[in-house]
Amino acid sequence: VMLVEGQNTKDTNFRFDNYTDPAYYLMWRTDMPGKNVGDWPPLGEYG
């Protein structure tokens, strides 16, 4: 079923994390990021 039907299944639901740096994976906010997100991803110490 996955091989047949999966080809026609499209996920078009863009969430909060889809608008952030794709290389950042250490934390995620999902589609309910909360009221006060601030800068995201949080700025790190090394570059």
All heavy atoms as atom14 arrays in JSON, in Angstrom:
{
  "sequence": "VMLVEGQNTKDTNFRFDNYTDPAYYLMWRTDMPGKNVGDWPPLGEYG",
  "atom14_mask": [
    [1, 1, 1, 1, 1, 1, 1, 0, 0, 0, 0, 0, 0, 0],
    [1, 1, 1, 1, 1, 1, 1, 1, 0, 0, 0, 0, 0, 0],
    [1, 1, 1, 1, 1, 1, 1, 1, 0, 0, 0, 0, 0, 0],
    [1, 1, 1, 1, 1, 1, 1, 0, 0, 0, 0, 0, 0, 0],
    [1, 1, 1, 1, 1, 1, 1, 1, 1, 0, 0, 0, 0, 0],
    [1, 1, 1, 1, 0, 0, 0, 0, 0, 0, 0, 0, 0, 0],
    [1, 1, 1, 1, 1, 1, 1, 1, 1, 0, 0, 0, 0, 0],
    [1, 1, 1, 1, 1, 1, 1, 1, 0, 0, 0, 0, 0, 0],
    [1, 1, 1, 1, 1, 1, 1, 0, 0, 0, 0, 0, 0, 0],
    [1, 1, 1, 1, 1, 1, 1, 1, 1, 0, 0, 0, 0, 0],
    [1, 1, 1, 1, 1, 1, 1, 1, 0, 0, 0, 0, 0, 0],
    [1, 1, 1, 1, 1, 1, 1, 0, 0, 0, 0, 0, 0, 0],
    [1, 1, 1, 1, 1, 1, 1, 1, 0, 0, 0, 0, 0, 0],
    [1, 1, 1, 1, 1, 1, 1, 1, 1, 1, 1, 0, 0, 0],
    [1, 1, 1, 1, 1, 1, 1, 1, 1, 1, 1, 0, 0, 0],
    [1, 1, 1, 1, 1, 1, 1, 1, 1, 1, 1, 0, 0, 0],
    [1, 1, 1, 1, 1, 1, 1, 1, 0, 0, 0, 0, 0, 0],
    [1, 1, 1, 1, 1, 1, 1, 1, 0, 0, 0, 0, 0, 0],
    [1, 1, 1, 1, 1, 1, 1, 1, 1, 1, 1, 1, 0, 0],
    [1, 1, 1, 1, 1, 1, 1, 0, 0, 0, 0, 0, 0, 0],
    [1, 1, 1, 1, 1, 1, 1, 1, 0, 0, 0, 0, 0, 0],
    [1, 1, 1, 1, 1, 1, 1, 0, 0, 0, 0, 0, 0, 0],
    [1, 1, 1, 1, 1, 0, 0, 0, 0, 0, 0, 0, 0, 0],
    [1, 1, 1, 1, 1, 1, 1, 1, 1, 1, 1, 1, 0, 0],
    [1, 1, 1, 1, 1, 1, 1, 1, 1, 1, 1, 1, 0, 0],
    [1, 1, 1, 1, 1, 1, 1, 1, 0, 0, 0, 0, 0, 0],
    [1, 1, 1, 1, 1, 1, 1, 1, 0, 0, 0, 0, 0, 0],
    [1, 1, 1, 1, 1, 1, 1, 1, 1, 1, 1, 1, 1, 1],
    [1, 1, 1, 1, 1, 1, 1, 1, 1, 1, 1, 0, 0, 0],
    [1, 1, 1, 1, 1, 1, 1, 0, 0, 0, 0, 0, 0, 0],
    [1, 1, 1, 1, 1, 1, 1, 1, 0, 0, 0, 0, 0, 0],
    [1, 1, 1, 1, 1, 1, 1, 1, 0, 0, 0, 0, 0, 0],
    [1, 1, 1, 1, 1, 1, 1, 0, 0, 0, 0, 0, 0, 0],
    [1, 1, 1, 1, 0, 0, 0, 0, 0, 0, 0, 0, 0, 0],
    [1, 1, 1, 1, 1, 1, 1, 1, 1, 0, 0, 0, 0, 0],
    [1, 1, 1, 1, 1, 1, 1, 1, 0, 0, 0, 0, 0, 0],
    [1, 1, 1, 1, 1, 1, 1, 0, 0, 0, 0, 0, 0, 0],
    [1, 1, 1, 1, 0, 0, 0, 0, 0, 0, 0, 0, 0, 0],
    [1, 1, 1, 1, 1, 1, 1, 1, 0, 0, 0, 0, 0, 0],
    [1, 1, 1, 1, 1, 1, 1, 1, 1, 1, 1, 1, 1, 1],
    [1, 1, 1, 1, 1, 1, 1, 0, 0, 0, 0, 0, 0, 0],
    [1, 1, 1, 1, 1, 1, 1, 0, 0, 0, 0, 0, 0, 0],
    [1, 1, 1, 1, 1, 1, 1, 1, 0, 0, 0, 0, 0, 0],
    [1, 1, 1, 1, 0, 0, 0, 0, 0, 0, 0, 0, 0, 0],
    [1, 1, 1, 1, 1, 1, 1, 1, 1, 0, 0, 0, 0, 0],
    [1, 1, 1, 1, 1, 1, 1, 1, 1, 1, 1, 1, 0, 0],
    [1, 1, 1, 1, 0, 0, 0, 0, 0, 0, 0, 0, 0, 0]
  ],
  "atom14_positions": [
    [[0.84, -1.2, 0.0], [0.0, 0.0, 0.0], [0.87, 1.25, 0.0], [0.61, 2.22, -0.72], [-0.94, -0.01, 1.22], [-1.64, 1.34, 1.36], [-1.97, -1.12, 1.09], [0.0, 0.0, 0.0], [0.0, 0.0, 0.0], [0.0, 0.0, 0.0], [0.0, 0.0, 0.0], [0.0, 0.0, 0.0], [0.0, 0.0, 0.0], [0.0, 0.0, 0.0]],
    [[1.93, 1.24, 0.81], [2.82, 2.39, 0.89], [3.5, 2.66, -0.45], [3.64, 3.8, -0.88], [3.87, 2.17, 1.97], [3.32, 2.27, 3.38], [2.83, 3.96, 3.8], [4.42, 4.78, 3.83], [0.0, 0.0, 0.0], [0.0, 0.0, 0.0], [0.0, 0.0, 0.0], [0.0, 0.0, 0.0], [0.0, 0.0, 0.0], [0.0, 0.0, 0.0]],
    [[3.92, 1.6, -1.13], [4.61, 1.76, -2.4], [3.68, 2.27, -3.5], [4.1, 3.0, -4.4], [5.26, 0.44, -2.83], [6.4, -0.06, -1.93], [6.87, -1.44, -2.4], [7.56, 0.93, -1.93], [0.0, 0.0, 0.0], [0.0, 0.0, 0.0], [0.0, 0.0, 0.0], [0.0, 0.0, 0.0], [0.0, 0.0, 0.0], [0.0, 0.0, 0.0]],
    [[2.41, 1.87, -3.41], [1.45, 2.27, -4.45], [0.8, 3.61, -4.1], [0.87, 4.58, -4.85], [0.38, 1.17, -4.63], [-0.69, 1.65, -5.62], [1.02, -0.12, -5.11], [0.0, 0.0, 0.0], [0.0, 0.0, 0.0], [0.0, 0.0, 0.0], [0.0, 0.0, 0.0], [0.0, 0.0, 0.0], [0.0, 0.0, 0.0], [0.0, 0.0, 0.0]],
    [[0.17, 3.66, -2.91], [-0.56, 4.86, -2.52], [0.37, 5.99, -2.08], [0.04, 7.16, -2.21], [-1.54, 4.53, -1.39], [-2.6, 3.51, -1.76], [-3.63, 4.08, -2.7], [-3.72, 5.31, -2.82], [-4.37, 3.27, -3.31], [0.0, 0.0, 0.0], [0.0, 0.0, 0.0], [0.0, 0.0, 0.0], [0.0, 0.0, 0.0], [0.0, 0.0, 0.0]],
    [[1.53, 5.6, -1.53], [2.44, 6.62, -1.02], [2.93, 7.57, -2.09], [3.28, 8.73, -1.8], [0.0, 0.0, 0.0], [0.0, 0.0, 0.0], [0.0, 0.0, 0.0], [0.0, 0.0, 0.0], [0.0, 0.0, 0.0], [0.0, 0.0, 0.0], [0.0, 0.0, 0.0], [0.0, 0.0, 0.0], [0.0, 0.0, 0.0], [0.0, 0.0, 0.0]],
    [[2.98, 7.1, -3.33], [3.43, 7.97, -4.42], [2.47, 9.13, -4.65], [2.87, 10.19, -5.14], [3.55, 7.14, -5.71], [4.51, 5.96, -5.6], [5.93, 6.41, -5.36], [6.36, 7.44, -5.85], [6.69, 5.63, -4.59], [0.0, 0.0, 0.0], [0.0, 0.0, 0.0], [0.0, 0.0, 0.0], [0.0, 0.0, 0.0], [0.0, 0.0, 0.0]],
    [[1.21, 8.92, -4.3], [0.21, 9.95, -4.54], [-0.11, 10.78, -3.29], [-0.98, 11.65, -3.34], [-1.09, 9.29, -5.03], [-0.86, 8.5, -6.31], [-0.12, 8.93, -7.19], [-1.5, 7.33, -6.41], [0.0, 0.0, 0.0], [0.0, 0.0, 0.0], [0.0, 0.0, 0.0], [0.0, 0.0, 0.0], [0.0, 0.0, 0.0], [0.0, 0.0, 0.0]],
    [[0.58, 10.48, -2.18], [0.32, 11.21, -0.94], [1.28, 12.38, -0.84], [2.51, 12.18, -0.81], [0.5, 10.27, 0.27], [-0.4, 9.16, 0.14], [0.19, 11.01, 1.56], [0.0, 0.0, 0.0], [0.0, 0.0, 0.0], [0.0, 0.0, 0.0], [0.0, 0.0, 0.0], [0.0, 0.0, 0.0], [0.0, 0.0, 0.0], [0.0, 0.0, 0.0]],
    [[0.76, 13.57, -0.78], [1.57, 14.78, -0.73], [1.31, 15.52, 0.58], [0.15, 15.75, 0.94], [1.27, 15.7, -1.91], [1.4, 15.04, -3.28], [2.84, 14.59, -3.56], [2.96, 13.99, -4.95], [4.34, 13.49, -5.19], [0.0, 0.0, 0.0], [0.0, 0.0, 0.0], [0.0, 0.0, 0.0], [0.0, 0.0, 0.0], [0.0, 0.0, 0.0]],
    [[2.37, 15.88, 1.27], [2.27, 16.66, 2.49], [2.56, 18.11, 2.15], [3.71, 18.49, 1.9], [3.26, 16.13, 3.53], [3.28, 16.98, 4.79], [2.29, 17.71, 5.01], [4.27, 16.91, 5.54], [0.0, 0.0, 0.0], [0.0, 0.0, 0.0], [0.0, 0.0, 0.0], [0.0, 0.0, 0.0], [0.0, 0.0, 0.0], [0.0, 0.0, 0.0]],
    [[1.54, 18.93, 2.12], [1.69, 20.36, 1.77], [1.48, 21.26, 2.98], [1.3, 22.47, 2.83], [0.68, 20.74, 0.67], [-0.65, 20.48, 1.13], [0.93, 19.93, -0.59], [0.0, 0.0, 0.0], [0.0, 0.0, 0.0], [0.0, 0.0, 0.0], [0.0, 0.0, 0.0], [0.0, 0.0, 0.0], [0.0, 0.0, 0.0], [0.0, 0.0, 0.0]],
    [[1.5, 20.67, 4.16], [1.25, 21.43, 5.39], [2.55, 22.03, 5.9], [3.31, 21.4, 6.63], [0.63, 20.51, 6.45], [0.21, 21.27, 7.69], [0.14, 22.5, 7.69], [-0.05, 20.54, 8.76], [0.0, 0.0, 0.0], [0.0, 0.0, 0.0], [0.0, 0.0, 0.0], [0.0, 0.0, 0.0], [0.0, 0.0, 0.0], [0.0, 0.0, 0.0]],
    [[2.83, 23.25, 5.5], [4.05, 23.93, 5.93], [3.89, 24.41, 7.37], [2.96, 25.14, 7.69], [4.36, 25.11, 5.01], [4.91, 24.68, 3.69], [4.07, 24.24, 2.67], [6.28, 24.7, 3.45], [4.58, 23.84, 1.45], [6.8, 24.31, 2.23], [5.96, 23.86, 1.22], [0.0, 0.0, 0.0], [0.0, 0.0, 0.0], [0.0, 0.0, 0.0]],
    [[4.84, 24.01, 8.23], [4.79, 24.32, 9.64], [5.87, 25.32, 10.01], [6.68, 25.7, 9.17], [4.95, 23.04, 10.46], [3.93, 21.95, 10.11], [4.32, 20.61, 10.69], [3.35, 19.56, 10.38], [3.35, 18.87, 9.25], [4.25, 19.11, 8.32], [2.45, 17.93, 9.04], [0.0, 0.0, 0.0], [0.0, 0.0, 0.0], [0.0, 0.0, 0.0]],
    [[5.9, 25.68, 11.27], [6.86, 26.67, 11.75], [8.29, 26.26, 11.42], [9.08, 27.08, 10.94], [6.68, 26.83, 13.26], [7.72, 27.7, 13.91], [7.6, 29.08, 13.87], [8.82, 27.15, 14.55], [8.56, 29.89, 14.46], [9.78, 27.95, 15.13], [9.65, 29.33, 15.09], [0.0, 0.0, 0.0], [0.0, 0.0, 0.0], [0.0, 0.0, 0.0]],
    [[8.64, 25.01, 11.65], [10.02, 24.58, 11.44], [10.42, 24.56, 9.97], [11.62, 24.53, 9.67], [10.22, 23.18, 12.04], [10.39, 23.23, 13.55], [10.56, 24.35, 14.07], [10.33, 22.18, 14.21], [0.0, 0.0, 0.0], [0.0, 0.0, 0.0], [0.0, 0.0, 0.0], [0.0, 0.0, 0.0], [0.0, 0.0, 0.0], [0.0, 0.0, 0.0]],
    [[9.46, 24.57, 9.07], [9.8, 24.56, 7.64], [10.33, 25.92, 7.17], [10.83, 26.02, 6.05], [8.58, 24.17, 6.8], [8.09, 22.78, 7.12], [6.93, 22.58, 7.45], [8.98, 21.8, 7.05], [0.0, 0.0, 0.0], [0.0, 0.0, 0.0], [0.0, 0.0, 0.0], [0.0, 0.0, 0.0], [0.0, 0.0, 0.0], [0.0, 0.0, 0.0]],
    [[10.22, 26.92, 8.01], [10.7, 28.26, 7.66], [12.03, 28.59, 8.35], [12.47, 29.73, 8.31], [9.65, 29.3, 8.04], [8.35, 29.16, 7.28], [7.32, 28.38, 7.79], [8.16, 29.78, 6.05], [6.12, 28.23, 7.1], [6.97, 29.64, 5.35], [5.96, 28.87, 5.88], [4.78, 28.72, 5.2], [0.0, 0.0, 0.0], [0.0, 0.0, 0.0]],
    [[12.64, 27.6, 8.98], [13.89, 27.82, 9.71], [15.04, 27.1, 9.02], [14.85, 26.33, 8.08], [13.75, 27.33, 11.16], [13.51, 25.91, 11.16], [12.6, 28.03, 11.86], [0.0, 0.0, 0.0], [0.0, 0.0, 0.0], [0.0, 0.0, 0.0], [0.0, 0.0, 0.0], [0.0, 0.0, 0.0], [0.0, 0.0, 0.0], [0.0, 0.0, 0.0]],
    [[16.25, 27.36, 9.5], [17.47, 26.77, 8.94], [17.36, 25.25, 8.94], [17.21, 24.64, 10.0], [18.66, 27.22, 9.78], [19.98, 26.63, 9.31], [20.0, 25.98, 8.24], [20.99, 26.82, 10.01], [0.0, 0.0, 0.0], [0.0, 0.0, 0.0], [0.0, 0.0, 0.0], [0.0, 0.0, 0.0], [0.0, 0.0, 0.0], [0.0, 0.0, 0.0]],
    [[17.43, 24.58, 7.78], [17.27, 23.13, 7.74], [18.41, 22.37, 8.42], [18.25, 21.19, 8.76], [17.22, 22.81, 6.25], [17.95, 23.94, 5.6], [17.64, 25.15, 6.43], [0.0, 0.0, 0.0], [0.0, 0.0, 0.0], [0.0, 0.0, 0.0], [0.0, 0.0, 0.0], [0.0, 0.0, 0.0], [0.0, 0.0, 0.0], [0.0, 0.0, 0.0]],
    [[19.56, 23.03, 8.64], [20.68, 22.36, 9.29], [20.53, 22.34, 10.81], [21.32, 21.68, 11.49], [22.01, 23.02, 8.91], [0.0, 0.0, 0.0], [0.0, 0.0, 0.0], [0.0, 0.0, 0.0], [0.0, 0.0, 0.0], [0.0, 0.0, 0.0], [0.0, 0.0, 0.0], [0.0, 0.0, 0.0], [0.0, 0.0, 0.0], [0.0, 0.0, 0.0]],
    [[19.54, 23.06, 11.33], [19.35, 23.09, 12.78], [18.33, 22.01, 13.17], [17.19, 22.03, 12.71], [18.86, 24.45, 13.24], [18.74, 24.55, 14.75], [19.87, 24.76, 15.53], [17.51, 24.43, 15.38], [19.77, 24.85, 16.91], [17.4, 24.52, 16.75], [18.54, 24.71, 17.52], [18.44, 24.78, 18.88], [0.0, 0.0, 0.0], [0.0, 0.0, 0.0]],
    [[18.75, 21.09, 14.02], [17.88, 19.97, 14.38], [17.83, 19.73, 15.89], [17.12, 18.82, 16.36], [18.37, 18.68, 13.71], [19.74, 18.24, 14.19], [19.87, 17.39, 15.28], [20.9, 18.68, 13.58], [21.12, 17.0, 15.74], [22.15, 18.29, 14.03], [22.25, 17.45, 15.1], [23.48, 17.07, 15.56], [0.0, 0.0, 0.0], [0.0, 0.0, 0.0]],
    [[18.58, 20.49, 16.68], [18.74, 20.18, 18.1], [17.49, 20.42, 18.92], [17.29, 19.79, 19.96], [19.91, 21.0, 18.66], [21.26, 20.72, 17.98], [22.31, 21.69, 18.48], [21.69, 19.28, 18.24], [0.0, 0.0, 0.0], [0.0, 0.0, 0.0], [0.0, 0.0, 0.0], [0.0, 0.0, 0.0], [0.0, 0.0, 0.0], [0.0, 0.0, 0.0]],
    [[16.65, 21.36, 18.5], [15.35, 21.59, 19.13], [14.36, 21.91, 18.03], [14.74, 22.35, 16.95], [15.42, 22.74, 20.14], [16.22, 22.45, 21.37], [16.07, 23.77, 22.62], [16.94, 25.11, 21.81], [0.0, 0.0, 0.0], [0.0, 0.0, 0.0], [0.0, 0.0, 0.0], [0.0, 0.0, 0.0], [0.0, 0.0, 0.0], [0.0, 0.0, 0.0]],
    [[13.08, 21.69, 18.31], [12.08, 22.01, 17.31], [10.83, 22.55, 18.0], [10.52, 22.23, 19.14], [11.74, 20.79, 16.45], [11.37, 19.57, 17.23], [10.12, 19.15, 17.58], [12.27, 18.57, 17.74], [10.19, 17.98, 18.29], [11.49, 17.6, 18.39], [13.66, 18.41, 17.7], [12.06, 16.49, 19.01], [14.22, 17.31, 18.32], [13.43, 16.36, 18.96]],
    [[10.08, 23.38, 17.27], [8.89, 24.03, 17.83], [7.6, 23.49, 17.23], [6.53, 23.89, 17.65], [8.97, 25.54, 17.59], [10.2, 26.21, 18.17], [10.29, 26.03, 19.67], [9.21, 26.7, 20.38], [9.34, 27.88, 20.98], [10.49, 28.51, 20.95], [8.33, 28.42, 21.62], [0.0, 0.0, 0.0], [0.0, 0.0, 0.0], [0.0, 0.0, 0.0]],
    [[7.69, 22.6, 16.24], [6.54, 21.99, 15.56], [5.61, 23.06, 15.01], [6.04, 24.17, 14.72], [5.79, 21.03, 16.5], [5.14, 21.77, 17.54], [6.72, 20.03, 17.12], [0.0, 0.0, 0.0], [0.0, 0.0, 0.0], [0.0, 0.0, 0.0], [0.0, 0.0, 0.0], [0.0, 0.0, 0.0], [0.0, 0.0, 0.0], [0.0, 0.0, 0.0]],
    [[4.33, 22.72, 14.87], [3.38, 23.67, 14.29], [2.7, 24.51, 15.36], [1.78, 25.26, 15.08], [2.33, 22.94, 13.45], [1.66, 21.81, 14.21], [2.08, 21.55, 15.34], [0.73, 21.2, 13.66], [0.0, 0.0, 0.0], [0.0, 0.0, 0.0], [0.0, 0.0, 0.0], [0.0, 0.0, 0.0], [0.0, 0.0, 0.0], [0.0, 0.0, 0.0]],
    [[3.13, 24.37, 16.62], [2.63, 25.21, 17.7], [3.83, 25.83, 18.41], [4.28, 25.35, 19.46], [1.79, 24.39, 18.69], [0.45, 23.96, 18.13], [-0.57, 23.17, 19.38], [-2.12, 22.98, 18.5], [0.0, 0.0, 0.0], [0.0, 0.0, 0.0], [0.0, 0.0, 0.0], [0.0, 0.0, 0.0], [0.0, 0.0, 0.0], [0.0, 0.0, 0.0]],
    [[4.4, 26.89, 17.84], [5.65, 27.43, 18.39], [5.49, 28.24, 19.66], [6.48, 28.54, 20.32], [6.14, 28.33, 17.25], [4.9, 28.75, 16.55], [3.96, 27.59, 16.63], [0.0, 0.0, 0.0], [0.0, 0.0, 0.0], [0.0, 0.0, 0.0], [0.0, 0.0, 0.0], [0.0, 0.0, 0.0], [0.0, 0.0, 0.0], [0.0, 0.0, 0.0]],
    [[4.26, 28.59, 20.03], [4.07, 29.4, 21.22], [3.97, 30.88, 20.9], [4.18, 31.32, 19.77], [0.0, 0.0, 0.0], [0.0, 0.0, 0.0], [0.0, 0.0, 0.0], [0.0, 0.0, 0.0], [0.0, 0.0, 0.0], [0.0, 0.0, 0.0], [0.0, 0.0, 0.0], [0.0, 0.0, 0.0], [0.0, 0.0, 0.0], [0.0, 0.0, 0.0]],
    [[3.68, 31.66, 21.92], [3.44, 33.09, 21.72], [4.73, 33.88, 21.54], [4.79, 34.79, 20.73], [2.66, 33.64, 22.92], [1.26, 33.06, 23.09], [0.57, 33.66, 24.31], [-0.83, 33.1, 24.49], [-1.51, 33.66, 25.69], [0.0, 0.0, 0.0], [0.0, 0.0, 0.0], [0.0, 0.0, 0.0], [0.0, 0.0, 0.0], [0.0, 0.0, 0.0]],
    [[5.76, 33.55, 22.31], [6.98, 34.35, 22.32], [8.16, 33.5, 21.85], [8.93, 32.97, 22.65], [7.24, 34.9, 23.73], [6.08, 35.74, 24.24], [5.61, 36.62, 23.54], [5.65, 35.47, 25.45], [0.0, 0.0, 0.0], [0.0, 0.0, 0.0], [0.0, 0.0, 0.0], [0.0, 0.0, 0.0], [0.0, 0.0, 0.0], [0.0, 0.0, 0.0]],
    [[8.3, 33.37, 20.55], [9.36, 32.53, 19.99], [10.71, 33.25, 20.01], [11.74, 32.69, 20.38], [9.0, 32.11, 18.55], [10.15, 31.31, 17.95], [7.72, 31.29, 18.55], [0.0, 0.0, 0.0], [0.0, 0.0, 0.0], [0.0, 0.0, 0.0], [0.0, 0.0, 0.0], [0.0, 0.0, 0.0], [0.0, 0.0, 0.0], [0.0, 0.0, 0.0]],
    [[10.73, 34.5, 19.62], [12.0, 35.23, 19.52], [12.8, 34.74, 18.33], [12.28, 34.14, 17.39], [0.0, 0.0, 0.0], [0.0, 0.0, 0.0], [0.0, 0.0, 0.0], [0.0, 0.0, 0.0], [0.0, 0.0, 0.0], [0.0, 0.0, 0.0], [0.0, 0.0, 0.0], [0.0, 0.0, 0.0], [0.0, 0.0, 0.0], [0.0, 0.0, 0.0]],
    [[14.12, 35.01, 18.35], [14.98, 34.54, 17.27], [15.05, 33.02, 17.29], [15.29, 32.4, 18.33], [16.39, 35.12, 17.43], [16.43, 36.62, 17.21], [15.54, 37.12, 16.49], [17.32, 37.29, 17.76], [0.0, 0.0, 0.0], [0.0, 0.0, 0.0], [0.0, 0.0, 0.0], [0.0, 0.0, 0.0], [0.0, 0.0, 0.0], [0.0, 0.0, 0.0]],
    [[14.87, 32.43, 16.11], [14.9, 30.97, 16.02], [15.55, 30.57, 14.71], [15.18, 31.08, 13.67], [13.48, 30.38, 16.1], [13.51, 28.91, 16.33], [13.38, 27.92, 15.39], [13.7, 28.25, 17.57], [13.49, 26.69, 15.96], [13.69, 26.87, 17.31], [13.91, 28.69, 18.87], [13.85, 25.92, 18.31], [14.07, 27.76, 19.86], [14.04, 26.39, 19.58]],
    [[16.54, 29.68, 14.73], [17.11, 28.99, 15.89], [17.86, 29.96, 16.81], [18.3, 31.02, 16.37], [18.07, 27.99, 15.27], [17.66, 27.87, 13.83], [17.09, 29.2, 13.45], [0.0, 0.0, 0.0], [0.0, 0.0, 0.0], [0.0, 0.0, 0.0], [0.0, 0.0, 0.0], [0.0, 0.0, 0.0], [0.0, 0.0, 0.0], [0.0, 0.0, 0.0]],
    [[18.02, 29.57, 18.07], [18.77, 30.44, 18.99], [20.22, 30.58, 18.55], [20.82, 29.63, 18.06], [18.66, 29.7, 20.34], [18.33, 28.29, 19.98], [17.53, 28.35, 18.73], [0.0, 0.0, 0.0], [0.0, 0.0, 0.0], [0.0, 0.0, 0.0], [0.0, 0.0, 0.0], [0.0, 0.0, 0.0], [0.0, 0.0, 0.0], [0.0, 0.0, 0.0]],
    [[20.78, 31.76, 18.72], [22.13, 32.03, 18.28], [23.14, 31.26, 19.12], [23.1, 31.3, 20.34], [22.43, 33.53, 18.36], [23.78, 34.01, 17.82], [23.88, 33.74, 16.33], [23.98, 35.49, 18.12], [0.0, 0.0, 0.0], [0.0, 0.0, 0.0], [0.0, 0.0, 0.0], [0.0, 0.0, 0.0], [0.0, 0.0, 0.0], [0.0, 0.0, 0.0]],
    [[24.06, 30.55, 18.45], [25.07, 29.77, 19.14], [26.39, 30.49, 19.26], [26.6, 31.57, 18.7], [0.0, 0.0, 0.0], [0.0, 0.0, 0.0], [0.0, 0.0, 0.0], [0.0, 0.0, 0.0], [0.0, 0.0, 0.0], [0.0, 0.0, 0.0], [0.0, 0.0, 0.0], [0.0, 0.0, 0.0], [0.0, 0.0, 0.0], [0.0, 0.0, 0.0]],
    [[27.33, 29.85, 19.97], [28.61, 30.47, 20.28], [29.63, 30.34, 19.16], [30.56, 31.14, 19.05], [29.2, 29.86, 21.56], [28.35, 30.03, 22.82], [27.28, 28.95, 22.96], [27.15, 28.14, 22.04], [26.58, 28.94, 23.99], [0.0, 0.0, 0.0], [0.0, 0.0, 0.0], [0.0, 0.0, 0.0], [0.0, 0.0, 0.0], [0.0, 0.0, 0.0]],
    [[29.51, 29.32, 18.33], [30.52, 29.03, 17.32], [29.91, 29.2, 15.93], [29.23, 28.32, 15.42], [31.05, 27.6, 17.5], [32.07, 27.18, 16.47], [33.38, 27.64, 16.52], [31.72, 26.31, 15.44], [34.31, 27.25, 15.58], [32.64, 25.91, 14.49], [33.93, 26.38, 14.57], [34.87, 25.99, 13.62], [0.0, 0.0, 0.0], [0.0, 0.0, 0.0]],
    [[30.1, 30.39, 15.33], [29.53, 30.64, 14.01], [28.03, 30.5, 13.97], [27.47, 30.05, 12.97], [0.0, 0.0, 0.0], [0.0, 0.0, 0.0], [0.0, 0.0, 0.0], [0.0, 0.0, 0.0], [0.0, 0.0, 0.0], [0.0, 0.0, 0.0], [0.0, 0.0, 0.0], [0.0, 0.0, 0.0], [0.0, 0.0, 0.0], [0.0, 0.0, 0.0]]
  ]
}
